[in-house]
PDB file of N, CA and C in Angstrom:
ATOM      1  N   MET A   1      27.577 -95.166  36.255  1.00  0.00           N
ATOM      2  CA  MET A   1      26.528 -94.955  37.239  1.00  0.00           C
ATOM      3  C   MET A   1      25.805 -93.656  36.870  1.00  0.00           C
ATOM      4  N   ASP A   2      24.482 -93.708  36.819  1.00  0.00           N
ATOM      5  CA  ASP A   2      23.777 -92.491  36.463  1.00  0.00           C
ATOM      6  C   ASP A   2      23.641 -91.558  37.667  1.00  0.00           C
ATOM      7  N   GLU A   3      23.210 -90.358  37.407  1.00  0.00           N
ATOM      8  CA  GLU A   3      23.149 -89.309  38.430  1.00  0.00           C
ATOM      9  C   GLU A   3      22.253 -89.685  39.607  1.00  0.00           C
ATOM     10  N   LEU A   4      21.110 -90.304  39.343  1.00  0.00           N
ATOM     11  CA  LEU A   4      20.175 -90.687  40.404  1.00  0.00           C
ATOM     12  C   LEU A   4      20.796 -91.736  41.331  1.00  0.00           C
ATOM     13  N   ASN A   5      21.414 -92.763  40.766  1.00  0.00           N
ATOM     14  CA  ASN A   5      22.058 -93.789  41.589  1.00  0.00           C
ATOM     15  C   ASN A   5      23.230 -93.216  42.378  1.00  0.00           C
ATOM     16  N   GLU A   6      23.969 -92.320  41.765  1.00  0.00           N
ATOM     17  CA  GLU A   6      25.085 -91.680  42.457  1.00  0.00           C
ATOM     18  C   GLU A   6      24.589 -90.858  43.642  1.00  0.00           C
ATOM     19  N   PHE A   7      23.511 -90.109  43.440  1.00  0.00           N
ATOM     20  CA  PHE A   7      22.930 -89.318  44.525  1.00  0.00           C
ATOM     21  C   PHE A   7      22.474 -90.233  45.662  1.00  0.00           C
ATOM     22  N   ALA A   8      21.791 -91.314  45.314  1.00  0.00           N
ATOM     23  CA  ALA A   8      21.304 -92.253  46.326  1.00  0.00           C
ATOM     24  C   ALA A   8      22.460 -92.845  47.126  1.00  0.00           C
ATOM     25  N   GLN A   9      23.506 -93.255  46.444  1.00  0.00           N
ATOM     26  CA  GLN A   9      24.658 -93.863  47.112  1.00  0.00           C
ATOM     27  C   GLN A   9      25.363 -92.843  48.017  1.00  0.00           C
ATOM     28  N   ASN A  10      25.541 -91.638  47.524  1.00  0.00           N
ATOM     29  CA  ASN A  10      26.244 -90.604  48.292  1.00  0.00           C
ATOM     30  C   ASN A  10      25.470 -90.111  49.504  1.00  0.00           C
ATOM     31  N   ASN A  11      24.151 -90.327  49.513  1.00  0.00           N
ATOM     32  CA  ASN A  11      23.323 -89.822  50.603  1.00  0.00           C
ATOM     33  C   ASN A  11      22.735 -90.917  51.478  1.00  0.00           C
ATOM     34  N   GLY A  12      23.248 -92.134  51.331  1.00  0.00           N
ATOM     35  CA  GLY A  12      22.853 -93.229  52.222  1.00  0.00           C
ATOM     36  C   GLY A  12      21.487 -93.833  51.953  1.00  0.00           C
ATOM     37  N   PHE A  13      20.943 -93.641  50.760  1.00  0.00           N
ATOM     38  CA  PHE A  13      19.671 -94.263  50.409  1.00  0.00           C
ATOM     39  C   PHE A  13      19.903 -95.721  50.032  1.00  0.00           C
ATOM     40  N   VAL A  14      18.877 -96.559  50.227  1.00  0.00           N
ATOM     41  CA  VAL A  14      19.020 -97.980  49.914  1.00  0.00           C
ATOM     42  C   VAL A  14      18.893 -98.254  48.426  1.00  0.00           C
ATOM     43  N   GLY A  15      18.376 -97.313  47.671  1.00  0.00           N
ATOM     44  CA  GLY A  15      18.232 -97.513  46.241  1.00  0.00           C
ATOM     45  C   GLY A  15      17.519 -96.334  45.607  1.00  0.00           C
ATOM     46  N   SER A  16      17.318 -96.425  44.312  1.00  0.00           N
ATOM     47  CA  SER A  16      16.609 -95.364  43.601  1.00  0.00           C
ATOM     48  C   SER A  16      15.908 -95.948  42.391  1.00  0.00           C
ATOM     49  N   PHE A  17      14.830 -95.321  42.012  1.00  0.00           N
ATOM     50  CA  PHE A  17      14.056 -95.737  40.849  1.00  0.00           C
ATOM     51  C   PHE A  17      13.594 -94.497  40.105  1.00  0.00           C
ATOM     52  N   LYS A  18      13.655 -94.554  38.805  1.00  0.00           N
ATOM     53  CA  LYS A  18      12.999 -93.533  37.994  1.00  0.00           C
ATOM     54  C   LYS A  18      11.565 -94.001  37.814  1.00  0.00           C
ATOM     55  N   THR A  19      10.624 -93.170  38.249  1.00  0.00           N
ATOM     56  CA  THR A  19       9.217 -93.549  38.210  1.00  0.00           C
ATOM     57  C   THR A  19       8.405 -92.504  37.449  1.00  0.00           C
ATOM     58  N   SER A  20       7.197 -92.892  37.091  1.00  0.00           N
ATOM     59  CA  SER A  20       6.260 -91.975  36.456  1.00  0.00           C
ATOM     60  C   SER A  20       4.852 -92.287  36.945  1.00  0.00           C
ATOM     61  N   ALA A  21       4.237 -91.304  37.594  1.00  0.00           N
ATOM     62  CA  ALA A  21       2.843 -91.472  37.999  1.00  0.00           C
ATOM     63  C   ALA A  21       1.935 -91.471  36.775  1.00  0.00           C
ATOM     64  N   LYS A  22       2.336 -90.768  35.758  1.00  0.00           N
ATOM     65  CA  LYS A  22       1.534 -90.669  34.534  1.00  0.00           C
ATOM     66  C   LYS A  22       1.446 -92.013  33.811  1.00  0.00           C
ATOM     67  N   THR A  23       2.585 -92.670  33.641  1.00  0.00           N
ATOM     68  CA  THR A  23       2.601 -93.939  32.901  1.00  0.00           C
ATOM     69  C   THR A  23       2.575 -95.158  33.814  1.00  0.00           C
ATOM     70  N   GLY A  24       2.873 -94.946  35.098  1.00  0.00           N
ATOM     71  CA  GLY A  24       2.932 -96.067  36.035  1.00  0.00           C
ATOM     72  C   GLY A  24       4.274 -96.773  36.036  1.00  0.00           C
ATOM     73  N   LYS A  25       5.235 -96.213  35.300  1.00  0.00           N
ATOM     74  CA  LYS A  25       6.549 -96.848  35.183  1.00  0.00           C
ATOM     75  C   LYS A  25       7.215 -96.989  36.556  1.00  0.00           C
ATOM     76  N   ASN A  26       7.584 -98.206  36.892  1.00  0.00           N
ATOM     77  CA  ASN A  26       8.332 -98.565  38.106  1.00  0.00           C
ATOM     78  C   ASN A  26       7.628 -98.233  39.423  1.00  0.00           C
ATOM     79  N   ILE A  27       6.355 -97.913  39.402  1.00  0.00           N
ATOM     80  CA  ILE A  27       5.644 -97.610  40.646  1.00  0.00           C
ATOM     81  C   ILE A  27       5.566 -98.863  41.518  1.00  0.00           C
ATOM     82  N   ASN A  28       5.057 -99.956  40.972  1.00  0.00           N
ATOM     83  CA  ASN A  28       4.951-101.195  41.755  1.00  0.00           C
ATOM     84  C   ASN A  28       6.318-101.710  42.173  1.00  0.00           C
ATOM     85  N   GLU A  29       7.280-101.659  41.260  1.00  0.00           N
ATOM     86  CA  GLU A  29       8.621-102.159  41.563  1.00  0.00           C
ATOM     87  C   GLU A  29       9.283-101.353  42.678  1.00  0.00           C
ATOM     88  N   SER A  30       9.125-100.037  42.627  1.00  0.00           N
ATOM     89  CA  SER A  30       9.759 -99.207  43.652  1.00  0.00           C
ATOM     90  C   SER A  30       9.101 -99.396  45.016  1.00  0.00           C
ATOM     91  N   MET A  31       7.787 -99.539  45.051  1.00  0.00           N
ATOM     92  CA  MET A  31       7.097 -99.752  46.322  1.00  0.00           C
ATOM     93  C   MET A  31       7.434-101.125  46.902  1.00  0.00           C
ATOM     94  N   GLU A  32       7.517-102.128  46.039  1.00  0.00           N
ATOM     95  CA  GLU A  32       7.904-103.466  46.503  1.00  0.00           C
ATOM     96  C   GLU A  32       9.318-103.449  47.076  1.00  0.00           C
ATOM     97  N   PHE A  33      10.222-102.753  46.396  1.00  0.00           N
ATOM     98  CA  PHE A  33      11.596-102.630  46.871  1.00  0.00           C
ATOM     99  C   PHE A  33      11.635-101.935  48.230  1.00  0.00           C
ATOM    100  N   LEU A  34      10.881-100.844  48.365  1.00  0.00           N
ATOM    101  CA  LEU A  34      10.851-100.090  49.616  1.00  0.00           C
ATOM    102  C   LEU A  34      10.307-100.939  50.765  1.00  0.00           C
ATOM    103  N   ILE A  35       9.220-101.622  50.533  1.00  0.00           N
ATOM    104  CA  ILE A  35       8.616-102.458  51.579  1.00  0.00           C
ATOM    105  C   ILE A  35       9.572-103.572  51.993  1.00  0.00           C
ATOM    106  N   LYS A  36      10.214-104.211  51.019  1.00  0.00           N
ATOM    107  CA  LYS A  36      11.178-105.267  51.353  1.00  0.00           C
ATOM    108  C   LYS A  36      12.356-104.712  52.147  1.00  0.00           C
ATOM    109  N   ALA A  37      12.815-103.505  51.802  1.00  0.00           N
ATOM    110  CA  ALA A  37      13.933-102.890  52.526  1.00  0.00           C
ATOM    111  C   ALA A  37      13.544-102.579  53.968  1.00  0.00           C
ATOM    112  N   VAL A  38      12.332-102.096  54.185  1.00  0.00           N
ATOM    113  CA  VAL A  38      11.861-101.797  55.542  1.00  0.00           C
ATOM    114  C   VAL A  38      11.737-103.081  56.348  1.00  0.00           C
ATOM    115  N   ILE A  39      11.150-104.109  55.757  1.00  0.00           N
ATOM    116  CA  ILE A  39      10.993-105.395  56.453  1.00  0.00           C
ATOM    117  C   ILE A  39      12.362-105.976  56.797  1.00  0.00           C
ATOM    118  N   LYS A  40      13.298-105.905  55.876  1.00  0.00           N
ATOM    119  CA  LYS A  40      14.648-106.426  56.126  1.00  0.00           C
ATOM    120  C   LYS A  40      15.296-105.676  57.295  1.00  0.00           C
ATOM    121  N   LYS A  41      15.155-104.355  57.311  1.00  0.00           N
ATOM    122  CA  LYS A  41      15.738-103.552  58.396  1.00  0.00           C
ATOM    123  C   LYS A  41      15.094-103.901  59.738  1.00  0.00           C
ATOM    124  N   LEU A  42      13.781-104.061  59.766  1.00  0.00           N
ATOM    125  CA  LEU A  42      13.098-104.443  61.007  1.00  0.00           C
ATOM    126  C   LEU A  42      13.540-105.823  61.480  1.00  0.00           C
ATOM    127  N   GLU A  43      13.702-106.759  60.550  1.00  0.00           N
ATOM    128  CA  GLU A  43      14.160-108.097  60.917  1.00  0.00           C
ATOM    129  C   GLU A  43      15.570-108.050  61.487  1.00  0.00           C
ATOM    130  N   GLU A  44      16.442-107.223  60.888  1.00  0.00           N
ATOM    131  CA  GLU A  44      17.801-107.069  61.407  1.00  0.00           C
ATOM    132  C   GLU A  44      17.780-106.484  62.816  1.00  0.00           C
ATOM    133  N   MET A  45      16.950-105.481  63.023  1.00  0.00           N
ATOM    134  CA  MET A  45      16.865-104.851  64.343  1.00  0.00           C
ATOM    135  C   MET A  45      16.308-105.830  65.369  1.00  0.00           C
ATOM    136  N   ASN A  46      15.287-106.602  64.983  1.00  0.00           N
ATOM    137  CA  ASN A  46      14.696-107.573  65.899  1.00  0.00           C
ATOM    138  C   ASN A  46      15.675-108.679  66.246  1.00  0.00           C
ATOM    139  N   SER A  47      16.476-109.115  65.271  1.00  0.00           N
ATOM    140  CA  SER A  47      17.415-110.197  65.531  1.00  0.00           C
ATOM    141  C   SER A  47      18.510-109.759  66.497  1.00  0.00           C
ATOM    142  N   LYS A  48      18.820-108.485  66.501  1.00  0.00           N
ATOM    143  CA  LYS A  48      19.827-107.948  67.418  1.00  0.00           C
ATOM    144  C   LYS A  48      19.220-107.557  68.762  1.00  0.00           C
ATOM    145  N   GLY A  49      17.890-107.558  68.843  1.00  0.00           N
ATOM    146  CA  GLY A  49      17.237-107.136  70.071  1.00  0.00           C
ATOM    147  C   GLY A  49      17.236-105.624  70.247  1.00  0.00           C
ATOM    148  N   ASP A  50      17.544-104.884  69.177  1.00  0.00           N
ATOM    149  CA  ASP A  50      17.640-103.434  69.257  1.00  0.00           C
ATOM    150  C   ASP A  50      16.311-102.729  69.017  1.00  0.00           C
ATOM    151  N   TYR A  51      15.316-103.428  68.546  1.00  0.00           N
ATOM    152  CA  TYR A  51      14.091-102.770  68.094  1.00  0.00           C
ATOM    153  C   TYR A  51      13.454-101.923  69.189  1.00  0.00           C
ATOM    154  N   TYR A  52      13.311-102.485  70.368  1.00  0.00           N
ATOM    155  CA  TYR A  52      12.661-101.739  71.444  1.00  0.00           C
ATOM    156  C   TYR A  52      13.652-100.968  72.303  1.00  0.00           C
ATOM    157  N   LYS A  53      14.938-101.168  72.109  1.00  0.00           N
ATOM    158  CA  LYS A  53      15.935-100.455  72.888  1.00  0.00           C
ATOM    159  C   LYS A  53      16.324 -99.133  72.245  1.00  0.00           C
ATOM    160  N   ASP A  54      16.092 -99.012  70.961  1.00  0.00           N
ATOM    161  CA  ASP A  54      16.474 -97.819  70.212  1.00  0.00           C
ATOM    162  C   ASP A  54      15.580 -96.664  70.632  1.00  0.00           C
ATOM    163  N   ARG A  55      16.150 -95.615  71.211  1.00  0.00           N
ATOM    164  CA  ARG A  55      15.383 -94.477  71.713  1.00  0.00           C
ATOM    165  C   ARG A  55      14.706 -93.703  70.584  1.00  0.00           C
ATOM    166  N   LYS A  56      15.142 -93.901  69.345  1.00  0.00           N
ATOM    167  CA  LYS A  56      14.536 -93.198  68.226  1.00  0.00           C
ATOM    168  C   LYS A  56      13.390 -93.991  67.611  1.00  0.00           C
ATOM    169  N   THR A  57      13.132 -95.188  68.126  1.00  0.00           N
ATOM    170  CA  THR A  57      12.102 -96.058  67.585  1.00  0.00           C
ATOM    171  C   THR A  57      10.812 -95.871  68.361  1.00  0.00           C
ATOM    172  N   VAL A  58       9.714 -95.791  67.656  1.00  0.00           N
ATOM    173  CA  VAL A  58       8.404 -95.693  68.282  1.00  0.00           C
ATOM    174  C   VAL A  58       7.740 -97.051  68.155  1.00  0.00           C
ATOM    175  N   SER A  59       7.316 -97.596  69.283  1.00  0.00           N
ATOM    176  CA  SER A  59       6.658 -98.894  69.272  1.00  0.00           C
ATOM    177  C   SER A  59       5.174 -98.710  69.001  1.00  0.00           C
ATOM    178  N   LEU A  60       4.653 -99.432  68.021  1.00  0.00           N
ATOM    179  CA  LEU A  60       3.230 -99.406  67.735  1.00  0.00           C
ATOM    180  C   LEU A  60       2.518-100.594  68.368  1.00  0.00           C
ATOM    181  N   ASP A  61       3.244-101.366  69.157  1.00  0.00           N
ATOM    182  CA  ASP A  61       2.684-102.522  69.851  1.00  0.00           C
ATOM    183  C   ASP A  61       2.101-102.041  71.176  1.00  0.00           C
ATOM    184  N   PRO A  62       0.758-102.034  71.330  1.00  0.00           N
ATOM    185  CA  PRO A  62       0.160-101.511  72.563  1.00  0.00           C
ATOM    186  C   PRO A  62       0.586-102.284  73.808  1.00  0.00           C
ATOM    187  N   ASP A  63       0.815-103.588  73.678  1.00  0.00           N
ATOM    188  CA  ASP A  63       1.258-104.365  74.839  1.00  0.00           C
ATOM    189  C   ASP A  63       2.630-103.919  75.293  1.00  0.00           C
ATOM    190  N   ASN A  64       3.542-103.709  74.357  1.00  0.00           N
ATOM    191  CA  ASN A  64       4.887-103.266  74.702  1.00  0.00           C
ATOM    192  C   ASN A  64       4.852-101.854  75.272  1.00  0.00           C
ATOM    193  N   HIS A  65       4.026-100.988  74.712  1.00  0.00           N
ATOM    194  CA  HIS A  65       3.920 -99.614  75.191  1.00  0.00           C
ATOM    195  C   HIS A  65       3.460 -99.595  76.649  1.00  0.00           C
ATOM    196  N   ASN A  66       2.462-100.419  76.967  1.00  0.00           N
ATOM    197  CA  ASN A  66       1.949-100.463  78.337  1.00  0.00           C
ATOM    198  C   ASN A  66       3.014-100.963  79.310  1.00  0.00           C
ATOM    199  N   LYS A  67       3.817-101.946  78.882  1.00  0.00           N
ATOM    200  CA  LYS A  67       4.894-102.460  79.742  1.00  0.00           C
ATOM    201  C   LYS A  67       5.932-101.377  79.993  1.00  0.00           C
ATOM    202  N   GLU A  68       6.299-100.628  78.948  1.00  0.00           N
ATOM    203  CA  GLU A  68       7.294 -99.566  79.099  1.00  0.00           C
ATOM    204  C   GLU A  68       6.768 -98.457  79.994  1.00  0.00           C
ATOM    205  N   ALA A  69       5.509 -98.069  79.822  1.00  0.00           N
ATOM    206  CA  ALA A  69       4.919 -97.002  80.635  1.00  0.00           C
ATOM    207  C   ALA A  69       4.855 -97.432  82.098  1.00  0.00           C
ATOM    208  N   ASP A  70       4.468 -98.687  82.355  1.00  0.00           N
ATOM    209  CA  ASP A  70       4.420 -99.185  83.736  1.00  0.00           C
ATOM    210  C   ASP A  70       5.807 -99.177  84.356  1.00  0.00           C
ATOM    211  N   SER A  71       6.805 -99.597  83.594  1.00  0.00           N
ATOM    212  CA  SER A  71       8.177 -99.622  84.089  1.00  0.00           C
ATOM    213  C   SER A  71       8.656 -98.210  84.427  1.00  0.00           C
ATOM    214  N   LYS A  72       8.354 -97.227  83.579  1.00  0.00           N
ATOM    215  CA  LYS A  72       8.763 -95.846  83.838  1.00  0.00           C
ATOM    216  C   LYS A  72       8.060 -95.285  85.066  1.00  0.00           C
ATOM    217  N   ARG A  73       6.773 -95.616  85.230  1.00  0.00           N
ATOM    218  CA  ARG A  73       6.041 -95.135  86.406  1.00  0.00           C
ATOM    219  C   ARG A  73       6.657 -95.690  87.687  1.00  0.00           C
ATOM    220  N   LYS A  74       7.030 -96.974  87.658  1.00  0.00           N
ATOM    221  CA  LYS A  74       7.639 -97.594  88.831  1.00  0.00           C
ATOM    222  C   LYS A  74       8.982 -96.978  89.167  1.00  0.00           C
ATOM    223  N   GLN A  75       9.696 -96.534  88.112  1.00  0.00           N
ATOM    224  CA  GLN A  75      11.009 -95.921  88.316  1.00  0.00           C
ATOM    225  C   GLN A  75      10.909 -94.428  88.613  1.00  0.00           C
ATOM    226  N   GLY A  76       9.700 -93.896  88.527  1.00  0.00           N
ATOM    227  CA  GLY A  76       9.519 -92.477  88.794  1.00  0.00           C
ATOM    228  C   GLY A  76       9.848 -91.588  87.605  1.00  0.00           C
ATOM    229  N   GLY A  77       9.934 -92.162  86.430  1.00  0.00           N
ATOM    230  CA  GLY A  77      10.258 -91.377  85.234  1.00  0.00           C
ATOM    231  C   GLY A  77       9.141 -91.440  84.223  1.00  0.00           C
ATOM    232  N   GLY A  78       9.285 -90.742  83.161  1.00  0.00           N
ATOM    233  CA  GLY A  78       8.297 -90.742  82.104  1.00  0.00           C
ATOM    234  C   GLY A  78       7.224 -89.697  82.333  1.00  0.00           C
ATOM    235  N   CYS A  79       6.462 -89.451  81.333  1.00  0.00           N
ATOM    236  CA  CYS A  79       5.453 -88.410  81.436  1.00  0.00           C
ATOM    237  C   CYS A  79       4.091 -88.942  81.811  1.00  0.00           C
ATOM    238  N   CYS A  80       3.859 -90.233  81.676  1.00  0.00           N
ATOM    239  CA  CYS A  80       2.502 -90.766  81.878  1.00  0.00           C
ATOM    240  C   CYS A  80       2.473 -91.832  82.956  1.00  0.00           C
TER     241      CYS A  80
END
């Protein structure tokens, strides 16, 4: 195992790529890998129903945001 892969594994990263902006080496491959990893994680969270329950998650869905804000107002909590 090379040093980069070892570092990634020891620090909880999903993977690692040696890239070069100068030559373009592995730029597309690394971005494709990253996007697929993010999509996979979101799908896992959605399948568990954790996506909107996770307090560390920010919802970019305006409909969901409005529902949460209305619910907090009714409960007397929240800032808005």
